[in-house]
Amino acid sequence: MSGITYSEIKEEFLKNKIGLIGIGILASLVILSVIAVITIPIDTFKQWNNPNHWISYPKTSLPAWTNYLTAEKIPEHIIMENPITVSQDDTISVTSHQFNVNFVYDDFPNDFIYEFTTEYSGSPLLQISIIRPDQSKILLLSTSLPYSETINVHHERFFSADNIIKKNAQIQLAKINSESYGILGEEIIFADNDGHVLKGNYLFLVNLYGVEEYVKILDSKLILGGKTFGIMGTDELRRDLAVGLLWGTPLALFIGITVAVGSVIMGLIYGVYAGFKGKKTDDALMRFNDVIYALPALPFLIILAVTISNSIFLMVGFLLIFSWVGIAKVSRSMALQIKTRQYVEASKVMGQTNSKIIFKHIIPQLLPYTFASIAISVPAAITTEAGLSFLGLGDPTFPTWGQILHDANTYGAAARGLWWWIIPPGIAIAITGLAFVFIGNALDTIVNPKLKK
């Protein structure tokens, strides 16, 4: 190994197509990590498990590009924030916000949400109604806002899943056509008499009434929950999966590279020192190595995660504890060979310290093997973290790929056919591992004469 120069390693690596593919994949992952850090606000990362942050997004929606692959037109997610405003000041003041939706899709929307912020005194009356394409008008909600003697700022959301809205819609449509009474859920608002999608123009009317009181709508937003959204769709908690997948890239690289570099350095120094010292020191260090090697890593990691903490940083530390022993064994056997060479013996005669001999004359000879070991060790760290997270023992505050798969399993994504929640993080884990395996195998082939032949 001492005869191989770094220029030769570089030259041989550039000839290795598998290694170049691995470098290309790794470069793409690094670019995605930079994009995630630069473009996605850090607040979005912190709010990953806050349902209120994602309330404006649809629930379990397909990626938007799937609309181009199907014959039927799937409803797209629509957020309307600029309504038509009509005000009337009289004995009874009326502030009306109107949202116009041209619904031309072949399936029902998931739901709709009306979110508003108002400034008022007293107890104004809020009414939400809808004029459908067949010109039938349905009063969905009529409620008084909480009473306030002084001017009060009030924020609230109303969901189509609320029982009172579904009940009002069902009763009023039953008056128009008794057959519609059998249609259940939010679909009743967008269904014709036969239960099919009623296409056309829908007008949502929001009226706020005040009797000689101060009433003003500060902000008003209507969200029509479609079934397609974004590049990667959404999950059961309405989270944008593209955000989780992008943030999972730098987290996966951090976990994999940190554990691989740390464990290889620890194992390299430990094994080289044991091999160089020999005799009783070697025996004692290798017996300790055997004890750690014999411990079942996964059960211990599970116990440590349950009893101490499931912090991602502690998980990295736990992985370091169990990942260095194999490297130590191999580096020890190499050190036993290298220490018998003449330049090492000459260094001892010249009075150089053991640490200087180890770090100047032995470890540099093992660097090509070290780089190959680091590359091969990264996938193991990434898949171990993903496995622990899938079992529910990962850090829930970080949107890692394993955590996304855990949430998918918790909400039965596989049984419900939510493939976009399962396949992308699985592919991301596989591709990342494959990149480092390609690089590691290419380096191993170059530095190992037997494999090279």
Protein backbone atom coordinates (compact mmCIF):
# COMPACT_ATOMS: atom_id res chain seq x y z
CA MET A 1 0.00 0.00 0.00
CA SER A 2 2.92 2.31 0.61
CA GLY A 3 3.77 2.20 -3.09
CA ILE A 4 0.47 3.81 -4.11
CA THR A 5 0.60 7.57 -4.44
CA TYR A 6 -2.42 9.85 -4.17
CA SER A 7 -2.00 10.96 -7.78
CA GLU A 8 -2.22 7.31 -8.82
CA ILE A 9 -5.34 6.82 -6.69
CA LYS A 10 -6.92 9.88 -8.31
CA GLU A 11 -6.00 8.70 -11.78
CA GLU A 12 -7.37 5.21 -11.18
CA PHE A 13 -10.55 6.58 -9.57
CA LEU A 14 -11.31 8.77 -12.60
CA LYS A 15 -11.20 5.61 -14.72
CA ASN A 16 -13.72 3.84 -12.49
CA LYS A 17 -17.24 4.45 -13.86
CA ILE A 18 -18.99 3.15 -10.74
CA GLY A 19 -16.96 5.52 -8.57
CA LEU A 20 -17.78 8.48 -10.84
CA ILE A 21 -21.49 7.62 -10.63
CA GLY A 22 -21.21 7.63 -6.84
CA ILE A 23 -19.47 11.03 -6.91
CA GLY A 24 -22.23 12.37 -9.18
CA ILE A 25 -24.99 11.16 -6.83
CA LEU A 26 -23.14 12.57 -3.81
CA ALA A 27 -22.70 15.94 -5.55
CA SER A 28 -26.45 16.01 -6.25
CA LEU A 29 -27.21 15.28 -2.59
CA VAL A 30 -24.89 18.08 -1.48
CA ILE A 31 -26.61 20.50 -3.89
CA LEU A 32 -30.03 19.47 -2.51
CA SER A 33 -28.73 20.04 1.03
CA VAL A 34 -27.56 23.55 0.13
CA ILE A 35 -30.92 24.29 -1.53
CA ALA A 36 -32.77 23.08 1.58
CA VAL A 37 -30.68 25.23 3.93
CA ILE A 38 -30.93 28.35 1.73
CA THR A 39 -34.51 28.23 0.43
CA ILE A 40 -36.51 26.67 3.27
CA PRO A 41 -36.93 28.97 6.30
CA ILE A 42 -35.51 27.53 9.49
CA ASP A 43 -38.89 28.21 11.12
CA THR A 44 -40.47 25.62 8.81
CA PHE A 45 -37.93 23.09 10.06
CA LYS A 46 -38.78 23.89 13.69
CA GLN A 47 -42.52 23.70 13.01
CA TRP A 48 -42.42 20.24 11.43
CA ASN A 49 -44.53 18.70 14.22
CA ASN A 50 -46.79 21.72 14.77
CA PRO A 51 -50.17 20.94 13.09
CA ASN A 52 -51.26 24.60 13.15
CA HIS A 53 -48.35 25.56 10.93
CA TRP A 54 -49.59 23.26 8.14
CA ILE A 55 -53.32 23.90 8.46
CA SER A 56 -53.46 25.72 5.11
CA TYR A 57 -52.18 22.68 3.24
CA PRO A 58 -54.35 19.75 2.08
CA LYS A 59 -54.49 16.39 3.80
CA THR A 60 -52.91 13.32 2.14
CA SER A 61 -52.81 14.93 -1.30
CA LEU A 62 -51.03 13.50 -4.32
CA PRO A 63 -48.07 15.27 -5.93
CA ALA A 64 -49.31 17.89 -8.41
CA TRP A 65 -47.56 16.24 -11.38
CA THR A 66 -49.77 13.14 -11.10
CA ASN A 67 -52.56 15.18 -12.72
CA TYR A 68 -50.70 14.81 -16.02
CA LEU A 69 -50.71 11.01 -15.73
CA THR A 70 -54.42 10.42 -15.20
CA ALA A 71 -57.41 10.76 -17.49
CA GLU A 72 -59.55 12.27 -14.75
CA LYS A 73 -58.70 15.75 -13.51
CA ILE A 74 -57.87 15.57 -9.81
CA PRO A 75 -58.84 18.64 -7.71
CA GLU A 76 -55.94 20.99 -7.08
CA HIS A 77 -55.40 22.70 -3.75
CA ILE A 78 -56.60 26.32 -3.86
CA ILE A 79 -55.82 29.07 -1.32
CA MET A 80 -57.83 32.27 -1.86
CA GLU A 81 -56.58 35.26 0.11
CA ASN A 82 -58.01 38.21 -1.87
CA PRO A 83 -61.82 38.13 -1.63
CA ILE A 84 -64.21 40.67 -3.11
CA THR A 85 -65.22 42.98 -0.26
CA VAL A 86 -68.64 44.65 0.00
CA SER A 87 -69.51 46.87 2.97
CA GLN A 88 -72.83 48.41 3.99
CA ASP A 89 -73.08 50.86 6.90
CA ASP A 90 -76.56 51.39 8.32
CA THR A 91 -78.40 50.54 11.50
CA ILE A 92 -77.19 47.03 10.76
CA SER A 93 -73.69 47.13 9.31
CA VAL A 94 -72.75 44.32 6.93
CA THR A 95 -69.29 43.35 5.78
CA SER A 96 -69.35 40.76 3.02
CA HIS A 97 -66.42 38.79 1.61
CA GLN A 98 -66.98 36.80 -1.59
CA PHE A 99 -64.82 33.96 -2.89
CA ASN A 100 -65.42 32.73 -6.42
CA VAL A 101 -64.28 29.21 -7.39
CA ASN A 102 -64.59 27.68 -10.84
CA PHE A 103 -64.63 23.98 -9.98
CA VAL A 104 -63.94 21.93 -13.13
CA TYR A 105 -62.48 18.76 -11.63
CA ASP A 106 -63.71 15.17 -11.87
CA ASP A 107 -63.50 14.38 -8.15
CA PHE A 108 -64.64 15.96 -4.89
CA PRO A 109 -62.29 18.17 -2.88
CA ASN A 110 -61.02 16.89 0.44
CA ASP A 111 -62.51 19.73 2.50
CA PHE A 112 -62.57 23.48 2.83
CA ILE A 113 -61.44 25.84 5.60
CA TYR A 114 -62.46 29.41 6.21
CA GLU A 115 -59.94 31.37 8.28
CA PHE A 116 -60.46 34.97 9.35
CA THR A 117 -59.34 37.71 11.72
CA THR A 118 -61.86 40.35 12.75
CA GLU A 119 -61.92 43.42 14.95
CA TYR A 120 -65.22 44.15 16.68
CA SER A 121 -67.12 45.10 19.79
CA GLY A 122 -70.31 43.47 21.04
CA SER A 123 -71.28 40.12 19.53
CA PRO A 124 -71.58 40.28 15.72
CA LEU A 125 -73.25 37.56 13.69
CA LEU A 126 -71.18 35.54 11.20
CA GLN A 127 -72.87 33.67 8.36
CA ILE A 128 -71.20 31.49 5.75
CA SER A 129 -73.23 30.41 2.74
CA ILE A 130 -72.56 29.08 -0.73
CA ILE A 131 -74.28 29.57 -4.08
CA ARG A 132 -73.79 26.47 -6.19
CA PRO A 133 -73.69 26.18 -10.00
CA ASP A 134 -77.35 25.06 -9.97
CA GLN A 135 -78.14 28.41 -8.25
CA SER A 136 -79.18 26.70 -5.01
CA LYS A 137 -78.06 28.62 -1.95
CA ILE A 138 -76.98 26.78 1.18
CA LEU A 139 -76.46 28.40 4.57
CA LEU A 140 -73.51 26.50 5.98
CA LEU A 141 -73.01 28.34 9.26
CA SER A 142 -74.70 31.01 11.35
CA THR A 143 -73.02 31.82 14.64
CA SER A 144 -72.36 34.73 16.99
CA LEU A 145 -68.79 35.65 17.84
CA PRO A 146 -67.80 35.83 21.53
CA TYR A 147 -69.17 38.93 23.24
CA SER A 148 -66.74 41.77 24.02
CA GLU A 149 -67.52 45.12 25.59
CA THR A 150 -64.36 46.69 24.18
CA ILE A 151 -62.88 46.46 20.70
CA ASN A 152 -61.49 42.95 20.41
CA VAL A 153 -59.35 41.19 17.78
CA HIS A 154 -60.63 37.67 17.13
CA HIS A 155 -59.09 34.89 15.01
CA GLU A 156 -60.88 31.65 14.16
CA ARG A 157 -61.12 28.82 11.64
CA PHE A 158 -64.18 26.92 10.46
CA PHE A 159 -63.86 23.52 8.83
CA SER A 160 -66.20 21.75 6.47
CA ALA A 161 -65.70 18.69 8.68
CA ASP A 162 -67.47 20.49 11.56
CA ASN A 163 -70.68 18.65 12.37
CA ILE A 164 -72.81 21.79 12.30
CA ILE A 165 -71.70 22.66 8.74
CA LYS A 166 -72.30 19.13 7.45
CA LYS A 167 -75.69 18.98 9.18
CA ASN A 168 -76.82 22.36 7.80
CA ALA A 169 -75.76 21.41 4.27
CA GLN A 170 -77.50 18.06 4.48
CA ILE A 171 -80.78 19.48 5.81
CA GLN A 172 -80.99 22.34 3.32
CA LEU A 173 -80.12 20.20 0.30
CA ALA A 174 -82.72 17.66 1.44
CA LYS A 175 -85.34 20.44 1.16
CA ILE A 176 -84.31 20.96 -2.47
CA ASN A 177 -84.06 17.28 -3.35
CA SER A 178 -84.82 14.49 -0.91
CA GLU A 179 -82.47 12.11 -2.74
CA SER A 180 -79.48 14.22 -1.70
CA TYR A 181 -80.08 13.39 1.95
CA GLY A 182 -78.24 10.10 1.51
CA ILE A 183 -74.98 11.79 0.51
CA LEU A 184 -72.63 12.10 3.47
CA GLY A 185 -69.59 14.18 4.41
CA GLU A 186 -68.20 17.28 2.73
CA GLU A 187 -69.05 15.80 -0.67
CA ILE A 188 -72.68 16.85 -0.24
CA ILE A 189 -71.76 20.50 -0.90
CA PHE A 190 -70.18 19.70 -4.27
CA ALA A 191 -72.55 16.92 -5.37
CA ASP A 192 -75.48 16.98 -7.76
CA ASN A 193 -78.76 15.14 -7.18
CA ASP A 194 -77.24 11.85 -8.34
CA GLY A 195 -74.22 12.11 -6.06
CA HIS A 196 -71.77 13.02 -8.83
CA VAL A 197 -69.46 16.04 -8.88
CA LEU A 198 -71.35 19.22 -9.71
CA LYS A 199 -69.00 21.24 -11.89
CA GLY A 200 -69.25 24.98 -12.41
CA ASN A 201 -68.95 28.25 -10.54
CA TYR A 202 -69.24 28.25 -6.74
CA LEU A 203 -69.63 31.49 -4.80
CA PHE A 204 -68.74 31.43 -1.11
CA LEU A 205 -70.34 34.30 0.82
CA VAL A 206 -69.12 35.39 4.25
CA ASN A 207 -71.29 38.03 5.93
CA LEU A 208 -70.51 39.69 9.25
CA TYR A 209 -73.43 41.60 10.77
CA GLY A 210 -73.21 44.19 13.54
CA VAL A 211 -76.04 46.21 15.14
CA GLU A 212 -74.71 49.71 15.88
CA GLU A 213 -71.39 48.11 16.77
CA TYR A 214 -67.86 48.39 15.42
CA VAL A 215 -67.18 45.49 13.03
CA LYS A 216 -64.26 45.04 10.65
CA ILE A 217 -62.71 42.00 8.96
CA LEU A 218 -58.93 42.36 9.03
CA ASP A 219 -58.00 39.19 7.20
CA SER A 220 -60.03 36.58 5.35
CA LYS A 221 -58.91 33.40 3.61
CA LEU A 222 -60.73 30.46 2.04
CA ILE A 223 -58.85 27.21 1.51
CA LEU A 224 -60.34 24.59 -0.81
CA GLY A 225 -58.57 21.38 0.09
CA GLY A 226 -57.61 19.67 -3.14
CA LYS A 227 -56.14 16.23 -3.66
CA THR A 228 -52.95 17.34 -5.44
CA PHE A 229 -50.30 19.67 -4.05
CA GLY A 230 -46.62 20.42 -4.53
CA ILE A 231 -43.83 18.22 -5.83
CA MET A 232 -44.18 15.39 -3.31
CA GLY A 233 -47.71 15.80 -1.95
CA THR A 234 -48.71 15.98 1.71
CA ASP A 235 -49.24 13.57 4.59
CA GLU A 236 -52.03 12.97 7.12
CA LEU A 237 -50.89 15.99 9.16
CA ARG A 238 -51.01 18.23 6.05
CA ARG A 239 -47.22 18.61 6.02
CA ASP A 240 -45.50 19.30 2.71
CA LEU A 241 -43.44 16.14 2.17
CA ALA A 242 -41.07 17.96 -0.17
CA VAL A 243 -39.92 20.02 2.83
CA GLY A 244 -39.30 16.88 4.88
CA LEU A 245 -37.45 15.13 2.06
CA LEU A 246 -35.25 18.18 1.39
CA TRP A 247 -34.42 18.67 5.08
CA GLY A 248 -33.80 14.95 5.40
CA THR A 249 -30.91 15.19 2.90
CA PRO A 250 -28.50 17.30 5.03
CA LEU A 251 -29.59 15.41 8.14
CA ALA A 252 -28.80 12.06 6.49
CA LEU A 253 -25.40 13.30 5.30
CA PHE A 254 -24.66 14.74 8.74
CA ILE A 255 -25.52 11.48 10.51
CA GLY A 256 -23.77 9.22 8.00
CA ILE A 257 -20.57 11.25 7.55
CA THR A 258 -20.22 12.13 11.25
CA VAL A 259 -20.60 8.53 12.39
CA ALA A 260 -18.40 7.17 9.59
CA VAL A 261 -15.56 9.66 10.07
CA GLY A 262 -15.69 9.46 13.87
CA SER A 263 -15.82 5.67 14.04
CA VAL A 264 -13.08 5.18 11.42
CA ILE A 265 -10.73 7.65 13.17
CA MET A 266 -11.39 6.03 16.57
CA GLY A 267 -10.93 2.52 15.22
CA LEU A 268 -7.85 3.48 13.21
CA ILE A 269 -5.98 5.05 16.14
CA TYR A 270 -7.08 2.32 18.57
CA GLY A 271 -6.09 -0.54 16.26
CA VAL A 272 -2.78 0.98 15.15
CA TYR A 273 -1.77 1.70 18.75
CA ALA A 274 -2.64 -1.86 19.82
CA GLY A 275 -0.71 -3.39 16.92
CA PHE A 276 2.30 -1.12 17.38
CA LYS A 277 2.61 -1.69 21.15
CA GLY A 278 2.01 -5.45 20.94
CA LYS A 279 2.30 -7.94 23.79
CA LYS A 280 0.14 -7.30 26.89
CA THR A 281 -1.10 -3.91 25.68
CA ASP A 282 -2.28 -5.48 22.43
CA ASP A 283 -3.95 -8.37 24.25
CA ALA A 284 -5.78 -6.09 26.69
CA LEU A 285 -6.98 -3.65 24.02
CA MET A 286 -8.14 -6.44 21.70
CA ARG A 287 -10.03 -8.24 24.47
CA PHE A 288 -11.92 -4.99 25.17
CA ASN A 289 -12.51 -4.69 21.44
CA ASP A 290 -13.95 -8.22 21.39
CA VAL A 291 -16.33 -7.37 24.23
CA ILE A 292 -17.74 -4.34 22.36
CA TYR A 293 -17.85 -6.35 19.13
CA ALA A 294 -19.86 -9.12 20.80
CA LEU A 295 -22.55 -6.75 22.08
CA PRO A 296 -25.76 -6.74 19.97
CA ALA A 297 -25.76 -3.17 18.68
CA LEU A 298 -29.43 -2.73 17.71
CA PRO A 299 -30.97 -3.93 21.02
CA PHE A 300 -28.52 -1.74 22.95
CA LEU A 301 -29.35 1.27 20.78
CA ILE A 302 -33.05 0.66 21.40
CA ILE A 303 -32.53 0.42 25.17
CA LEU A 304 -30.36 3.55 25.24
CA ALA A 305 -32.88 5.49 23.15
CA VAL A 306 -35.77 4.46 25.44
CA THR A 307 -34.05 4.93 28.80
CA ILE A 308 -31.78 7.95 28.21
CA SER A 309 -32.93 10.06 25.27
CA ASN A 310 -33.87 9.82 21.60
CA SER A 311 -32.02 13.01 20.69
CA ILE A 312 -30.43 12.79 17.26
CA PHE A 313 -27.09 13.95 18.69
CA LEU A 314 -27.09 11.24 21.36
CA MET A 315 -28.04 8.73 18.68
CA VAL A 316 -24.94 9.76 16.72
CA GLY A 317 -22.88 9.22 19.88
CA PHE A 318 -24.43 5.78 20.43
CA LEU A 319 -23.67 4.78 16.84
CA LEU A 320 -20.05 5.87 17.31
CA ILE A 321 -19.72 3.57 20.32
CA PHE A 322 -20.63 0.47 18.30
CA SER A 323 -19.15 1.32 14.91
CA TRP A 324 -15.38 1.53 15.47
CA VAL A 325 -14.55 -2.03 16.55
CA GLY A 326 -14.39 -3.58 13.07
CA ILE A 327 -12.07 -0.83 11.81
CA ALA A 328 -9.85 -1.38 14.85
CA LYS A 329 -9.35 -5.07 14.03
CA VAL A 330 -8.35 -4.41 10.42
CA SER A 331 -6.07 -1.45 11.22
CA ARG A 332 -4.35 -3.52 13.95
CA SER A 333 -3.48 -6.28 11.48
CA MET A 334 -2.07 -3.69 9.05
CA ALA A 335 -0.07 -2.00 11.81
CA LEU A 336 1.51 -5.37 12.76
CA GLN A 337 2.90 -5.60 9.21
CA ILE A 338 4.00 -1.99 8.83
CA LYS A 339 5.86 -1.78 12.18
CA THR A 340 8.33 -4.44 11.01
CA ARG A 341 9.52 -2.34 8.08
CA GLN A 342 12.98 -0.83 8.12
CA TYR A 343 11.98 2.84 8.21
CA VAL A 344 9.89 2.18 11.35
CA GLU A 345 12.80 0.36 12.99
CA ALA A 346 15.09 3.23 11.98
CA SER A 347 12.72 5.73 13.60
CA LYS A 348 12.87 3.77 16.86
CA VAL A 349 16.67 3.74 16.77
CA MET A 350 16.71 7.51 16.18
CA GLY A 351 14.70 7.94 19.39
CA GLN A 352 11.42 9.15 17.97
CA THR A 353 8.45 8.87 20.32
CA ASN A 354 5.79 6.22 19.82
CA SER A 355 3.11 8.80 19.03
CA LYS A 356 5.30 10.40 16.33
CA ILE A 357 6.03 7.02 14.75
CA ILE A 358 2.32 6.11 14.77
CA PHE A 359 1.04 9.40 13.32
CA LYS A 360 3.95 10.08 10.95
CA HIS A 361 4.99 6.69 9.64
CA ILE A 362 2.14 4.19 10.15
CA ILE A 363 -1.22 5.97 9.92
CA PRO A 364 -0.33 7.79 6.64
CA GLN A 365 0.16 4.37 5.05
CA LEU A 366 -3.41 3.46 6.03
CA LEU A 367 -5.11 6.59 4.68
CA PRO A 368 -6.25 5.03 1.37
CA TYR A 369 -7.89 2.22 3.35
CA THR A 370 -9.31 4.85 5.72
CA PHE A 371 -11.05 6.76 2.93
CA ALA A 372 -12.56 3.56 1.56
CA SER A 373 -13.77 2.55 5.03
CA ILE A 374 -15.39 5.94 5.62
CA ALA A 375 -17.29 5.73 2.33
CA ILE A 376 -18.52 2.19 3.06
CA SER A 377 -19.48 3.03 6.68
CA VAL A 378 -21.82 5.94 5.80
CA PRO A 379 -24.75 3.80 4.50
CA ALA A 380 -24.75 1.67 7.66
CA ALA A 381 -25.13 4.76 9.86
CA ILE A 382 -27.92 6.20 7.70
CA THR A 383 -29.90 2.96 7.59
CA THR A 384 -29.46 2.38 11.33
CA GLU A 385 -30.86 5.82 12.12
CA ALA A 386 -33.71 5.22 9.67
CA GLY A 387 -34.44 1.86 11.32
CA LEU A 388 -34.54 3.36 14.81
CA SER A 389 -36.74 6.23 13.63
CA PHE A 390 -39.05 3.78 11.87
CA LEU A 391 -39.44 1.93 15.18
CA GLY A 392 -40.45 5.22 16.82
CA LEU A 393 -37.14 5.66 18.67
CA GLY A 394 -35.78 8.52 16.55
CA ASP A 395 -35.81 12.22 17.32
CA PRO A 396 -39.34 13.45 16.39
CA THR A 397 -38.20 17.08 16.19
CA PHE A 398 -36.10 16.38 13.08
CA PRO A 399 -37.76 15.47 9.74
CA THR A 400 -35.41 12.63 8.84
CA TRP A 401 -36.32 10.11 6.16
CA GLY A 402 -36.72 7.43 8.82
CA GLN A 403 -39.07 9.67 10.80
CA ILE A 404 -41.20 10.26 7.68
CA LEU A 405 -41.46 6.48 7.19
CA HIS A 406 -42.39 6.07 10.86
CA ASP A 407 -45.23 8.57 10.52
CA ALA A 408 -46.37 6.81 7.33
CA ASN A 409 -46.48 3.50 9.18
CA THR A 410 -48.31 5.07 12.13
CA TYR A 411 -51.11 6.37 9.90
CA GLY A 412 -51.32 3.23 7.77
CA ALA A 413 -50.06 4.82 4.56
CA ALA A 414 -49.29 1.46 2.93
CA ALA A 415 -52.76 0.04 3.58
CA ARG A 416 -54.36 3.26 2.32
CA GLY A 417 -52.28 3.35 -0.87
CA LEU A 418 -50.48 6.61 -0.03
CA TRP A 419 -47.40 5.62 -2.05
CA TRP A 420 -45.97 9.17 -2.21
CA TRP A 421 -45.56 9.07 1.57
CA ILE A 422 -43.55 5.82 1.50
CA ILE A 423 -41.63 5.44 -1.76
CA PRO A 424 -39.70 8.79 -1.96
CA PRO A 425 -38.01 8.55 1.49
CA GLY A 426 -37.24 4.88 0.86
CA ILE A 427 -35.67 5.70 -2.50
CA ALA A 428 -33.74 8.60 -0.93
CA ILE A 429 -32.23 6.26 1.69
CA ALA A 430 -31.34 3.69 -0.95
CA ILE A 431 -29.78 6.20 -3.37
CA THR A 432 -27.71 7.87 -0.63
CA GLY A 433 -26.41 4.53 0.58
CA LEU A 434 -25.71 3.44 -2.99
CA ALA A 435 -23.64 6.56 -3.69
CA PHE A 436 -21.26 5.86 -0.81
CA VAL A 437 -21.13 2.14 -1.62
CA PHE A 438 -20.07 2.96 -5.19
CA ILE A 439 -17.38 5.35 -3.94
CA GLY A 440 -16.17 2.92 -1.28
CA ASN A 441 -16.00 -0.04 -3.66
CA ALA A 442 -14.10 2.05 -6.21
CA LEU A 443 -11.54 3.11 -3.59
CA ASP A 444 -11.32 -0.42 -2.20
CA THR A 445 -10.61 -1.80 -5.67
CA ILE A 446 -7.82 0.75 -6.17
CA VAL A 447 -6.04 0.32 -2.82
CA ASN A 448 -6.49 -3.46 -2.57
CA PRO A 449 -4.14 -5.18 -5.05
CA LYS A 450 -6.08 -8.47 -4.95
CA LEU A 451 -9.37 -6.77 -5.85
CA LYS A 452 -7.62 -4.71 -8.53
CA LYS A 453 -6.42 -7.90 -10.24
